[in-house]
Amino acid sequence: MKRLPLIGALLLLAGPVQAFETIEEFDKACSASEETIILCQAAIQYSAFTYIPGILCRLEDDGLLTAEQLTEWWKQNGFNYQQLNAFLKDGINLGLVPYPSCSIKPVP
């Protein structure tokens, strides 16, 4: 009796997976409906907001950017961390995890 849930879980894990081999396939799947468009846009934004902090921290480590320069640029271009939704803030915070000593961080 204990094996039945295990067998069921294994069957679920063996389900087919959709892999995209070209950007056209990905674009077609993301354009299938209004819901998939919204989902793909959110996934792309989250990925970008997760990746960008690492780039900024590496630029700081290389001496090419300071927190003060970035803060000034954000002010001049109207970036406001407070206006981001919690989903994107989580992406930024996830991107900062590997860089605990990085001084380039948005103010929570």
PDB file of N, CA and C in Angstrom:
ATOM      1  N   MET A   1       0.820  -1.202   0.000  1.00  0.00           N
ATOM      2  CA  MET A   1       0.000   0.000   0.000  1.00  0.00           C
ATOM      3  C   MET A   1       0.864   1.266   0.000  1.00  0.00           C
ATOM      4  N   LYS A   2       2.022   1.183   0.632  1.00  0.00           N
ATOM      5  CA  LYS A   2       2.897   2.352   0.683  1.00  0.00           C
ATOM      6  C   LYS A   2       3.543   2.631  -0.669  1.00  0.00           C
ATOM      7  N   ARG A   3       3.583   1.634  -1.527  1.00  0.00           N
ATOM      8  CA  ARG A   3       4.235   1.822  -2.824  1.00  0.00           C
ATOM      9  C   ARG A   3       3.345   2.514  -3.842  1.00  0.00           C
ATOM     10  N   LEU A   4       2.050   2.498  -3.632  1.00  0.00           N
ATOM     11  CA  LEU A   4       1.132   3.091  -4.600  1.00  0.00           C
ATOM     12  C   LEU A   4       1.385   4.588  -4.805  1.00  0.00           C
ATOM     13  N   PRO A   5       1.530   5.410  -3.748  1.00  0.00           N
ATOM     14  CA  PRO A   5       1.835   6.824  -3.974  1.00  0.00           C
ATOM     15  C   PRO A   5       3.181   7.027  -4.672  1.00  0.00           C
ATOM     16  N   LEU A   6       4.156   6.182  -4.349  1.00  0.00           N
ATOM     17  CA  LEU A   6       5.467   6.280  -4.985  1.00  0.00           C
ATOM     18  C   LEU A   6       5.373   6.001  -6.478  1.00  0.00           C
ATOM     19  N   ILE A   7       4.627   4.974  -6.841  1.00  0.00           N
ATOM     20  CA  ILE A   7       4.443   4.642  -8.256  1.00  0.00           C
ATOM     21  C   ILE A   7       3.723   5.787  -8.971  1.00  0.00           C
ATOM     22  N   GLY A   8       2.721   6.370  -8.339  1.00  0.00           N
ATOM     23  CA  GLY A   8       2.001   7.495  -8.925  1.00  0.00           C
ATOM     24  C   GLY A   8       2.917   8.691  -9.146  1.00  0.00           C
ATOM     25  N   ALA A   9       3.765   8.966  -8.179  1.00  0.00           N
ATOM     26  CA  ALA A   9       4.703  10.079  -8.311  1.00  0.00           C
ATOM     27  C   ALA A   9       5.690   9.835  -9.445  1.00  0.00           C
ATOM     28  N   LEU A  10       6.164   8.622  -9.580  1.00  0.00           N
ATOM     29  CA  LEU A  10       7.080   8.295 -10.671  1.00  0.00           C
ATOM     30  C   LEU A  10       6.412   8.456 -12.033  1.00  0.00           C
ATOM     31  N   LEU A  11       5.142   8.089 -12.132  1.00  0.00           N
ATOM     32  CA  LEU A  11       4.423   8.266 -13.391  1.00  0.00           C
ATOM     33  C   LEU A  11       4.281   9.745 -13.740  1.00  0.00           C
ATOM     34  N   LEU A  12       4.043  10.587 -12.738  1.00  0.00           N
ATOM     35  CA  LEU A  12       3.953  12.025 -12.989  1.00  0.00           C
ATOM     36  C   LEU A  12       5.279  12.595 -13.453  1.00  0.00           C
ATOM     37  N   LEU A  13       6.365  12.111 -12.882  1.00  0.00           N
ATOM     38  CA  LEU A  13       7.688  12.598 -13.266  1.00  0.00           C
ATOM     39  C   LEU A  13       8.080  12.180 -14.673  1.00  0.00           C
ATOM     40  N   ALA A  14       7.473  11.128 -15.190  1.00  0.00           N
ATOM     41  CA  ALA A  14       7.820  10.622 -16.515  1.00  0.00           C
ATOM     42  C   ALA A  14       7.033  11.307 -17.626  1.00  0.00           C
ATOM     43  N   GLY A  15       6.266  12.346 -17.303  1.00  0.00           N
ATOM     44  CA  GLY A  15       5.471  13.054 -18.308  1.00  0.00           C
ATOM     45  C   GLY A  15       6.341  13.778 -19.312  1.00  0.00           C
ATOM     46  N   PRO A  16       5.797  14.061 -20.492  1.00  0.00           N
ATOM     47  CA  PRO A  16       6.582  14.740 -21.521  1.00  0.00           C
ATOM     48  C   PRO A  16       6.878  16.196 -21.145  1.00  0.00           C
ATOM     49  N   VAL A  17       7.991  16.694 -21.640  1.00  0.00           N
ATOM     50  CA  VAL A  17       8.419  18.070 -21.392  1.00  0.00           C
ATOM     51  C   VAL A  17       8.577  18.769 -22.733  1.00  0.00           C
ATOM     52  N   GLN A  18       8.076  20.000 -22.817  1.00  0.00           N
ATOM     53  CA  GLN A  18       8.208  20.770 -24.051  1.00  0.00           C
ATOM     54  C   GLN A  18       9.534  21.518 -24.035  1.00  0.00           C
ATOM     55  N   ALA A  19      10.378  21.243 -25.002  1.00  0.00           N
ATOM     56  CA  ALA A  19      11.649  21.941 -25.126  1.00  0.00           C
ATOM     57  C   ALA A  19      11.608  22.821 -26.368  1.00  0.00           C
ATOM     58  N   PHE A  20      12.095  24.033 -26.243  1.00  0.00           N
ATOM     59  CA  PHE A  20      12.133  24.953 -27.373  1.00  0.00           C
ATOM     60  C   PHE A  20      13.536  24.955 -27.945  1.00  0.00           C
ATOM     61  N   GLU A  21      13.641  24.684 -29.228  1.00  0.00           N
ATOM     62  CA  GLU A  21      14.946  24.644 -29.870  1.00  0.00           C
ATOM     63  C   GLU A  21      15.258  25.926 -30.631  1.00  0.00           C
ATOM     64  N   THR A  22      14.251  26.727 -30.926  1.00  0.00           N
ATOM     65  CA  THR A  22      14.477  27.980 -31.644  1.00  0.00           C
ATOM     66  C   THR A  22      13.685  29.091 -30.969  1.00  0.00           C
ATOM     67  N   ILE A  23      14.086  30.314 -31.225  1.00  0.00           N
ATOM     68  CA  ILE A  23      13.369  31.466 -30.672  1.00  0.00           C
ATOM     69  C   ILE A  23      11.971  31.544 -31.277  1.00  0.00           C
ATOM     70  N   GLU A  24      11.817  31.088 -32.505  1.00  0.00           N
ATOM     71  CA  GLU A  24      10.505  31.106 -33.153  1.00  0.00           C
ATOM     72  C   GLU A  24       9.515  30.194 -32.425  1.00  0.00           C
ATOM     73  N   GLU A  25       9.984  29.009 -31.995  1.00  0.00           N
ATOM     74  CA  GLU A  25       9.127  28.092 -31.233  1.00  0.00           C
ATOM     75  C   GLU A  25       8.718  28.723 -29.904  1.00  0.00           C
ATOM     76  N   PHE A  26       9.687  29.338 -29.246  1.00  0.00           N
ATOM     77  CA  PHE A  26       9.404  29.996 -27.970  1.00  0.00           C
ATOM     78  C   PHE A  26       8.408  31.135 -28.161  1.00  0.00           C
ATOM     79  N   ASP A  27       8.624  31.957 -29.188  1.00  0.00           N
ATOM     80  CA  ASP A  27       7.744  33.086 -29.472  1.00  0.00           C
ATOM     81  C   ASP A  27       6.331  32.606 -29.799  1.00  0.00           C
ATOM     82  N   LYS A  28       6.234  31.545 -30.559  1.00  0.00           N
ATOM     83  CA  LYS A  28       4.913  31.001 -30.914  1.00  0.00           C
ATOM     84  C   LYS A  28       4.175  30.520 -29.667  1.00  0.00           C
ATOM     85  N   ALA A  29       4.893  29.832 -28.781  1.00  0.00           N
ATOM     86  CA  ALA A  29       4.267  29.336 -27.550  1.00  0.00           C
ATOM     87  C   ALA A  29       3.850  30.498 -26.644  1.00  0.00           C
ATOM     88  N   CYS A  30       4.676  31.519 -26.566  1.00  0.00           N
ATOM     89  CA  CYS A  30       4.356  32.660 -25.713  1.00  0.00           C
ATOM     90  C   CYS A  30       3.236  33.516 -26.289  1.00  0.00           C
ATOM     91  N   SER A  31       3.016  33.423 -27.578  1.00  0.00           N
ATOM     92  CA  SER A  31       1.971  34.218 -28.232  1.00  0.00           C
ATOM     93  C   SER A  31       0.658  33.463 -28.385  1.00  0.00           C
ATOM     94  N   ALA A  32       0.559  32.287 -27.802  1.00  0.00           N
ATOM     95  CA  ALA A  32      -0.612  31.439 -28.004  1.00  0.00           C
ATOM     96  C   ALA A  32      -1.898  32.049 -27.455  1.00  0.00           C
ATOM     97  N   SER A  33      -1.816  32.751 -26.358  1.00  0.00           N
ATOM     98  CA  SER A  33      -3.008  33.356 -25.759  1.00  0.00           C
ATOM     99  C   SER A  33      -2.589  34.553 -24.915  1.00  0.00           C
ATOM    100  N   GLU A  34      -3.565  35.314 -24.476  1.00  0.00           N
ATOM    101  CA  GLU A  34      -3.279  36.478 -23.623  1.00  0.00           C
ATOM    102  C   GLU A  34      -2.614  36.036 -22.317  1.00  0.00           C
ATOM    103  N   GLU A  35      -3.039  34.892 -21.786  1.00  0.00           N
ATOM    104  CA  GLU A  35      -2.470  34.387 -20.538  1.00  0.00           C
ATOM    105  C   GLU A  35      -1.007  34.015 -20.705  1.00  0.00           C
ATOM    106  N   THR A  36      -0.666  33.344 -21.828  1.00  0.00           N
ATOM    107  CA  THR A  36       0.732  32.958 -22.025  1.00  0.00           C
ATOM    108  C   THR A  36       1.602  34.170 -22.314  1.00  0.00           C
ATOM    109  N   ILE A  37       1.057  35.178 -22.965  1.00  0.00           N
ATOM    110  CA  ILE A  37       1.818  36.414 -23.191  1.00  0.00           C
ATOM    111  C   ILE A  37       2.186  37.041 -21.853  1.00  0.00           C
ATOM    112  N   ILE A  38       1.221  37.145 -20.956  1.00  0.00           N
ATOM    113  CA  ILE A  38       1.457  37.734 -19.634  1.00  0.00           C
ATOM    114  C   ILE A  38       2.452  36.891 -18.846  1.00  0.00           C
ATOM    115  N   LEU A  39       2.304  35.569 -18.897  1.00  0.00           N
ATOM    116  CA  LEU A  39       3.195  34.676 -18.170  1.00  0.00           C
ATOM    117  C   LEU A  39       4.630  34.787 -18.692  1.00  0.00           C
ATOM    118  N   CYS A  40       4.795  34.790 -20.001  1.00  0.00           N
ATOM    119  CA  CYS A  40       6.136  34.895 -20.582  1.00  0.00           C
ATOM    120  C   CYS A  40       6.774  36.247 -20.270  1.00  0.00           C
ATOM    121  N   GLN A  41       5.993  37.320 -20.336  1.00  0.00           N
ATOM    122  CA  GLN A  41       6.528  38.637 -20.005  1.00  0.00           C
ATOM    123  C   GLN A  41       6.992  38.679 -18.555  1.00  0.00           C
ATOM    124  N   ALA A  42       6.212  38.097 -17.654  1.00  0.00           N
ATOM    125  CA  ALA A  42       6.598  38.085 -16.242  1.00  0.00           C
ATOM    126  C   ALA A  42       7.867  37.262 -16.035  1.00  0.00           C
ATOM    127  N   ALA A  43       7.967  36.126 -16.705  1.00  0.00           N
ATOM    128  CA  ALA A  43       9.160  35.280 -16.566  1.00  0.00           C
ATOM    129  C   ALA A  43      10.398  36.001 -17.088  1.00  0.00           C
ATOM    130  N   ILE A  44      10.261  36.702 -18.194  1.00  0.00           N
ATOM    131  CA  ILE A  44      11.394  37.441 -18.765  1.00  0.00           C
ATOM    132  C   ILE A  44      11.812  38.575 -17.838  1.00  0.00           C
ATOM    133  N   GLN A  45      10.844  39.317 -17.308  1.00  0.00           N
ATOM    134  CA  GLN A  45      11.172  40.407 -16.382  1.00  0.00           C
ATOM    135  C   GLN A  45      11.856  39.871 -15.131  1.00  0.00           C
ATOM    136  N   TYR A  46      11.324  38.789 -14.572  1.00  0.00           N
ATOM    137  CA  TYR A  46      11.910  38.208 -13.366  1.00  0.00           C
ATOM    138  C   TYR A  46      13.352  37.767 -13.634  1.00  0.00           C
ATOM    139  N   SER A  47      13.560  37.118 -14.778  1.00  0.00           N
ATOM    140  CA  SER A  47      14.912  36.667 -15.124  1.00  0.00           C
ATOM    141  C   SER A  47      15.865  37.850 -15.244  1.00  0.00           C
ATOM    142  N   ALA A  48      15.420  38.911 -15.888  1.00  0.00           N
ATOM    143  CA  ALA A  48      16.266  40.093 -16.053  1.00  0.00           C
ATOM    144  C   ALA A  48      16.586  40.720 -14.701  1.00  0.00           C
ATOM    145  N   PHE A  49      15.580  40.850 -13.847  1.00  0.00           N
ATOM    146  CA  PHE A  49      15.796  41.478 -12.542  1.00  0.00           C
ATOM    147  C   PHE A  49      16.634  40.590 -11.627  1.00  0.00           C
ATOM    148  N   THR A  50      16.722  39.295 -11.925  1.00  0.00           N
ATOM    149  CA  THR A  50      17.586  38.404 -11.165  1.00  0.00           C
ATOM    150  C   THR A  50      19.019  38.498 -11.658  1.00  0.00           C
ATOM    151  N   TYR A  51      19.203  38.693 -12.949  1.00  0.00           N
ATOM    152  CA  TYR A  51      20.519  38.686 -13.570  1.00  0.00           C
ATOM    153  C   TYR A  51      21.255  40.022 -13.445  1.00  0.00           C
ATOM    154  N   ILE A  52      20.555  41.111 -13.556  1.00  0.00           N
ATOM    155  CA  ILE A  52      21.170  42.447 -13.594  1.00  0.00           C
ATOM    156  C   ILE A  52      21.971  42.780 -12.330  1.00  0.00           C
ATOM    157  N   PRO A  53      21.489  42.480 -11.115  1.00  0.00           N
ATOM    158  CA  PRO A  53      22.306  42.819  -9.939  1.00  0.00           C
ATOM    159  C   PRO A  53      23.693  42.192  -9.967  1.00  0.00           C
ATOM    160  N   GLY A  54      23.803  40.984 -10.491  1.00  0.00           N
ATOM    161  CA  GLY A  54      25.111  40.336 -10.589  1.00  0.00           C
ATOM    162  C   GLY A  54      26.045  41.087 -11.517  1.00  0.00           C
ATOM    163  N   ILE A  55      25.511  41.555 -12.636  1.00  0.00           N
ATOM    164  CA  ILE A  55      26.326  42.335 -13.570  1.00  0.00           C
ATOM    165  C   ILE A  55      26.823  43.611 -12.886  1.00  0.00           C
ATOM    166  N   LEU A  56      25.913  44.301 -12.205  1.00  0.00           N
ATOM    167  CA  LEU A  56      26.295  45.548 -11.535  1.00  0.00           C
ATOM    168  C   LEU A  56      27.339  45.299 -10.451  1.00  0.00           C
ATOM    169  N   CYS A  57      27.185  44.230  -9.691  1.00  0.00           N
ATOM    170  CA  CYS A  57      28.149  43.926  -8.629  1.00  0.00           C
ATOM    171  C   CYS A  57      29.512  43.550  -9.209  1.00  0.00           C
ATOM    172  N   ARG A  58      29.532  42.854 -10.326  1.00  0.00           N
ATOM    173  CA  ARG A  58      30.811  42.530 -10.959  1.00  0.00           C
ATOM    174  C   ARG A  58      31.484  43.785 -11.509  1.00  0.00           C
ATOM    175  N   LEU A  59      30.690  44.704 -12.045  1.00  0.00           N
ATOM    176  CA  LEU A  59      31.262  45.976 -12.500  1.00  0.00           C
ATOM    177  C   LEU A  59      31.860  46.749 -11.332  1.00  0.00           C
ATOM    178  N   GLU A  60      31.182  46.698 -10.186  1.00  0.00           N
ATOM    179  CA  GLU A  60      31.724  47.354  -8.995  1.00  0.00           C
ATOM    180  C   GLU A  60      33.024  46.680  -8.558  1.00  0.00           C
ATOM    181  N   ASP A  61      33.049  45.351  -8.547  1.00  0.00           N
ATOM    182  CA  ASP A  61      34.261  44.613  -8.163  1.00  0.00           C
ATOM    183  C   ASP A  61      35.437  44.959  -9.065  1.00  0.00           C
ATOM    184  N   ASP A  62      35.152  45.206 -10.345  1.00  0.00           N
ATOM    185  CA  ASP A  62      36.215  45.544 -11.304  1.00  0.00           C
ATOM    186  C   ASP A  62      36.593  47.026 -11.269  1.00  0.00           C
ATOM    187  N   GLY A  63      35.922  47.821 -10.425  1.00  0.00           N
ATOM    188  CA  GLY A  63      36.233  49.238 -10.307  1.00  0.00           C
ATOM    189  C   GLY A  63      35.660  50.089 -11.427  1.00  0.00           C
ATOM    190  N   LEU A  64      34.697  49.561 -12.168  1.00  0.00           N
ATOM    191  CA  LEU A  64      34.126  50.297 -13.293  1.00  0.00           C
ATOM    192  C   LEU A  64      32.852  51.047 -12.934  1.00  0.00           C
ATOM    193  N   LEU A  65      32.311  50.790 -11.756  1.00  0.00           N
ATOM    194  CA  LEU A  65      31.050  51.399 -11.344  1.00  0.00           C
ATOM    195  C   LEU A  65      31.023  51.496  -9.832  1.00  0.00           C
ATOM    196  N   THR A  66      30.470  52.592  -9.326  1.00  0.00           N
ATOM    197  CA  THR A  66      30.297  52.733  -7.879  1.00  0.00           C
ATOM    198  C   THR A  66      28.813  52.825  -7.565  1.00  0.00           C
ATOM    199  N   ALA A  67      28.485  52.558  -6.332  1.00  0.00           N
ATOM    200  CA  ALA A  67      27.087  52.664  -5.903  1.00  0.00           C
ATOM    201  C   ALA A  67      26.591  54.098  -6.069  1.00  0.00           C
ATOM    202  N   GLU A  68      27.469  55.054  -5.824  1.00  0.00           N
ATOM    203  CA  GLU A  68      27.079  56.456  -5.955  1.00  0.00           C
ATOM    204  C   GLU A  68      26.756  56.815  -7.407  1.00  0.00           C
ATOM    205  N   GLN A  69      27.575  56.324  -8.341  1.00  0.00           N
ATOM    206  CA  GLN A  69      27.311  56.584  -9.761  1.00  0.00           C
ATOM    207  C   GLN A  69      25.974  55.980 -10.188  1.00  0.00           C
ATOM    208  N   LEU A  70      25.728  54.764  -9.753  1.00  0.00           N
ATOM    209  CA  LEU A  70      24.484  54.098 -10.123  1.00  0.00           C
ATOM    210  C   LEU A  70      23.279  54.786  -9.496  1.00  0.00           C
ATOM    211  N   THR A  71      23.400  55.182  -8.238  1.00  0.00           N
ATOM    212  CA  THR A  71      22.302  55.874  -7.563  1.00  0.00           C
ATOM    213  C   THR A  71      21.985  57.188  -8.266  1.00  0.00           C
ATOM    214  N   GLU A  72      23.005  57.903  -8.658  1.00  0.00           N
ATOM    215  CA  GLU A  72      22.802  59.157  -9.381  1.00  0.00           C
ATOM    216  C   GLU A  72      22.118  58.894 -10.723  1.00  0.00           C
ATOM    217  N   TRP A  73      22.530  57.850 -11.426  1.00  0.00           N
ATOM    218  CA  TRP A  73      21.905  57.516 -12.710  1.00  0.00           C
ATOM    219  C   TRP A  73      20.444  57.153 -12.502  1.00  0.00           C
ATOM    220  N   TRP A  74      20.166  56.365 -11.441  1.00  0.00           N
ATOM    221  CA  TRP A  74      18.774  55.991 -11.147  1.00  0.00           C
ATOM    222  C   TRP A  74      17.927  57.241 -10.904  1.00  0.00           C
ATOM    223  N   LYS A  75      18.454  58.203 -10.143  1.00  0.00           N
ATOM    224  CA  LYS A  75      17.715  59.437  -9.865  1.00  0.00           C
ATOM    225  C   LYS A  75      17.446  60.215 -11.145  1.00  0.00           C
ATOM    226  N   GLN A  76      18.453  60.332 -12.003  1.00  0.00           N
ATOM    227  CA  GLN A  76      18.304  61.086 -13.247  1.00  0.00           C
ATOM    228  C   GLN A  76      17.304  60.432 -14.207  1.00  0.00           C
ATOM    229  N   ASN A  77      17.187  59.114 -14.142  1.00  0.00           N
ATOM    230  CA  ASN A  77      16.340  58.399 -15.088  1.00  0.00           C
ATOM    231  C   ASN A  77      15.026  57.911 -14.481  1.00  0.00           C
ATOM    232  N   GLY A  78      14.746  58.327 -13.263  1.00  0.00           N
ATOM    233  CA  GLY A  78      13.451  58.055 -12.645  1.00  0.00           C
ATOM    234  C   GLY A  78      13.229  56.641 -12.147  1.00  0.00           C
ATOM    235  N   PHE A  79      14.314  55.878 -11.912  1.00  0.00           N
ATOM    236  CA  PHE A  79      14.125  54.538 -11.358  1.00  0.00           C
ATOM    237  C   PHE A  79      13.738  54.651  -9.897  1.00  0.00           C
ATOM    238  N   ASN A  80      12.687  53.941  -9.509  1.00  0.00           N
ATOM    239  CA  ASN A  80      12.219  53.971  -8.129  1.00  0.00           C
ATOM    240  C   ASN A  80      11.935  52.546  -7.675  1.00  0.00           C
ATOM    241  N   TYR A  81      12.825  52.013  -6.833  1.00  0.00           N
ATOM    242  CA  TYR A  81      12.676  50.645  -6.326  1.00  0.00           C
ATOM    243  C   TYR A  81      11.338  50.454  -5.629  1.00  0.00           C
ATOM    244  N   GLN A  82      10.864  51.481  -4.935  1.00  0.00           N
ATOM    245  CA  GLN A  82       9.611  51.368  -4.183  1.00  0.00           C
ATOM    246  C   GLN A  82       8.418  51.080  -5.086  1.00  0.00           C
ATOM    247  N   GLN A  83       8.493  51.469  -6.357  1.00  0.00           N
ATOM    248  CA  GLN A  83       7.375  51.270  -7.272  1.00  0.00           C
ATOM    249  C   GLN A  83       7.350  49.870  -7.891  1.00  0.00           C
ATOM    250  N   LEU A  84       8.406  49.091  -7.708  1.00  0.00           N
ATOM    251  CA  LEU A  84       8.418  47.732  -8.247  1.00  0.00           C
ATOM    252  C   LEU A  84       7.498  46.837  -7.424  1.00  0.00           C
ATOM    253  N   ASN A  85       6.890  45.851  -8.072  1.00  0.00           N
ATOM    254  CA  ASN A  85       6.051  44.922  -7.320  1.00  0.00           C
ATOM    255  C   ASN A  85       6.915  43.902  -6.585  1.00  0.00           C
ATOM    256  N   ALA A  86       6.319  43.185  -5.663  1.00  0.00           N
ATOM    257  CA  ALA A  86       7.057  42.244  -4.812  1.00  0.00           C
ATOM    258  C   ALA A  86       7.732  41.153  -5.635  1.00  0.00           C
ATOM    259  N   PHE A  87       7.132  40.750  -6.733  1.00  0.00           N
ATOM    260  CA  PHE A  87       7.676  39.719  -7.612  1.00  0.00           C
ATOM    261  C   PHE A  87       9.048  40.148  -8.149  1.00  0.00           C
ATOM    262  N   LEU A  88       9.144  41.368  -8.648  1.00  0.00           N
ATOM    263  CA  LEU A  88      10.408  41.854  -9.196  1.00  0.00           C
ATOM    264  C   LEU A  88      11.425  42.154  -8.095  1.00  0.00           C
ATOM    265  N   LYS A  89      10.956  42.625  -6.948  1.00  0.00           N
ATOM    266  CA  LYS A  89      11.869  42.842  -5.813  1.00  0.00           C
ATOM    267  C   LYS A  89      12.484  41.517  -5.378  1.00  0.00           C
ATOM    268  N   ASP A  90      11.692  40.451  -5.388  1.00  0.00           N
ATOM    269  CA  ASP A  90      12.228  39.128  -5.048  1.00  0.00           C
ATOM    270  C   ASP A  90      13.298  38.704  -6.051  1.00  0.00           C
ATOM    271  N   GLY A  91      13.086  39.032  -7.327  1.00  0.00           N
ATOM    272  CA  GLY A  91      14.087  38.727  -8.342  1.00  0.00           C
ATOM    273  C   GLY A  91      15.396  39.445  -8.080  1.00  0.00           C
ATOM    274  N   ILE A  92      15.308  40.720  -7.746  1.00  0.00           N
ATOM    275  CA  ILE A  92      16.511  41.505  -7.434  1.00  0.00           C
ATOM    276  C   ILE A  92      17.225  40.911  -6.221  1.00  0.00           C
ATOM    277  N   ASN A  93      16.474  40.617  -5.171  1.00  0.00           N
ATOM    278  CA  ASN A  93      17.086  40.068  -3.959  1.00  0.00           C
ATOM    279  C   ASN A  93      17.720  38.705  -4.218  1.00  0.00           C
ATOM    280  N   LEU A  94      17.106  37.879  -5.073  1.00  0.00           N
ATOM    281  CA  LEU A  94      17.693  36.594  -5.425  1.00  0.00           C
ATOM    282  C   LEU A  94      19.005  36.800  -6.178  1.00  0.00           C
ATOM    283  N   GLY A  95      19.040  37.788  -7.058  1.00  0.00           N
ATOM    284  CA  GLY A  95      20.253  38.080  -7.811  1.00  0.00           C
ATOM    285  C   GLY A  95      21.387  38.600  -6.946  1.00  0.00           C
ATOM    286  N   LEU A  96      21.064  39.168  -5.799  1.00  0.00           N
ATOM    287  CA  LEU A  96      22.094  39.707  -4.895  1.00  0.00           C
ATOM    288  C   LEU A  96      22.661  38.670  -3.933  1.00  0.00           C
ATOM    289  N   VAL A  97      22.027  37.519  -3.816  1.00  0.00           N
ATOM    290  CA  VAL A  97      22.467  36.492  -2.856  1.00  0.00           C
ATOM    291  C   VAL A  97      23.940  36.111  -3.036  1.00  0.00           C
ATOM    292  N   PRO A  98      24.427  35.892  -4.265  1.00  0.00           N
ATOM    293  CA  PRO A  98      25.843  35.512  -4.395  1.00  0.00           C
ATOM    294  C   PRO A  98      26.826  36.654  -4.137  1.00  0.00           C
ATOM    295  N   TYR A  99      26.335  37.858  -3.907  1.00  0.00           N
ATOM    296  CA  TYR A  99      27.190  39.038  -3.733  1.00  0.00           C
ATOM    297  C   TYR A  99      26.890  39.737  -2.411  1.00  0.00           C
ATOM    298  N   PRO A 100      27.159  39.087  -1.280  1.00  0.00           N
ATOM    299  CA  PRO A 100      26.796  39.694   0.011  1.00  0.00           C
ATOM    300  C   PRO A 100      27.552  40.968   0.336  1.00  0.00           C
ATOM    301  N   SER A 101      28.740  41.164  -0.227  1.00  0.00           N
ATOM    302  CA  SER A 101      29.507  42.364   0.095  1.00  0.00           C
ATOM    303  C   SER A 101      29.297  43.477  -0.940  1.00  0.00           C
ATOM    304  N   CYS A 102      28.443  43.262  -1.906  1.00  0.00           N
ATOM    305  CA  CYS A 102      28.199  44.273  -2.939  1.00  0.00           C
ATOM    306  C   CYS A 102      27.455  45.464  -2.328  1.00  0.00           C
ATOM    307  N   SER A 103      27.956  46.660  -2.616  1.00  0.00           N
ATOM    308  CA  SER A 103      27.308  47.845  -2.062  1.00  0.00           C
ATOM    309  C   SER A 103      26.208  48.382  -2.985  1.00  0.00           C
ATOM    310  N   ILE A 104      26.094  47.839  -4.178  1.00  0.00           N
ATOM    311  CA  ILE A 104      25.062  48.272  -5.126  1.00  0.00           C
ATOM    312  C   ILE A 104      23.796  47.484  -4.820  1.00  0.00           C
ATOM    313  N   LYS A 105      22.945  48.088  -4.025  1.00  0.00           N
ATOM    314  CA  LYS A 105      21.701  47.435  -3.631  1.00  0.00           C
ATOM    315  C   LYS A 105      20.598  48.474  -3.593  1.00  0.00           C
ATOM    316  N   PRO A 106      19.434  48.125  -4.096  1.00  0.00           N
ATOM    317  CA  PRO A 106      18.312  49.077  -3.968  1.00  0.00           C
ATOM    318  C   PRO A 106      17.897  49.195  -2.497  1.00  0.00           C
ATOM    319  N   VAL A 107      17.336  50.287  -2.162  1.00  0.00           N
ATOM    320  CA  VAL A 107      16.880  50.508  -0.782  1.00  0.00           C
ATOM    321  C   VAL A 107      15.508  49.854  -0.641  1.00  0.00           C
ATOM    322  N   PRO A 108      15.365  48.893   0.283  1.00  0.00           N
ATOM    323  CA  PRO A 108      14.055  48.219   0.432  1.00  0.00           C
ATOM    324  C   PRO A 108      12.965  49.115   0.956  1.00  0.00           C
TER     325      PRO A 108
END
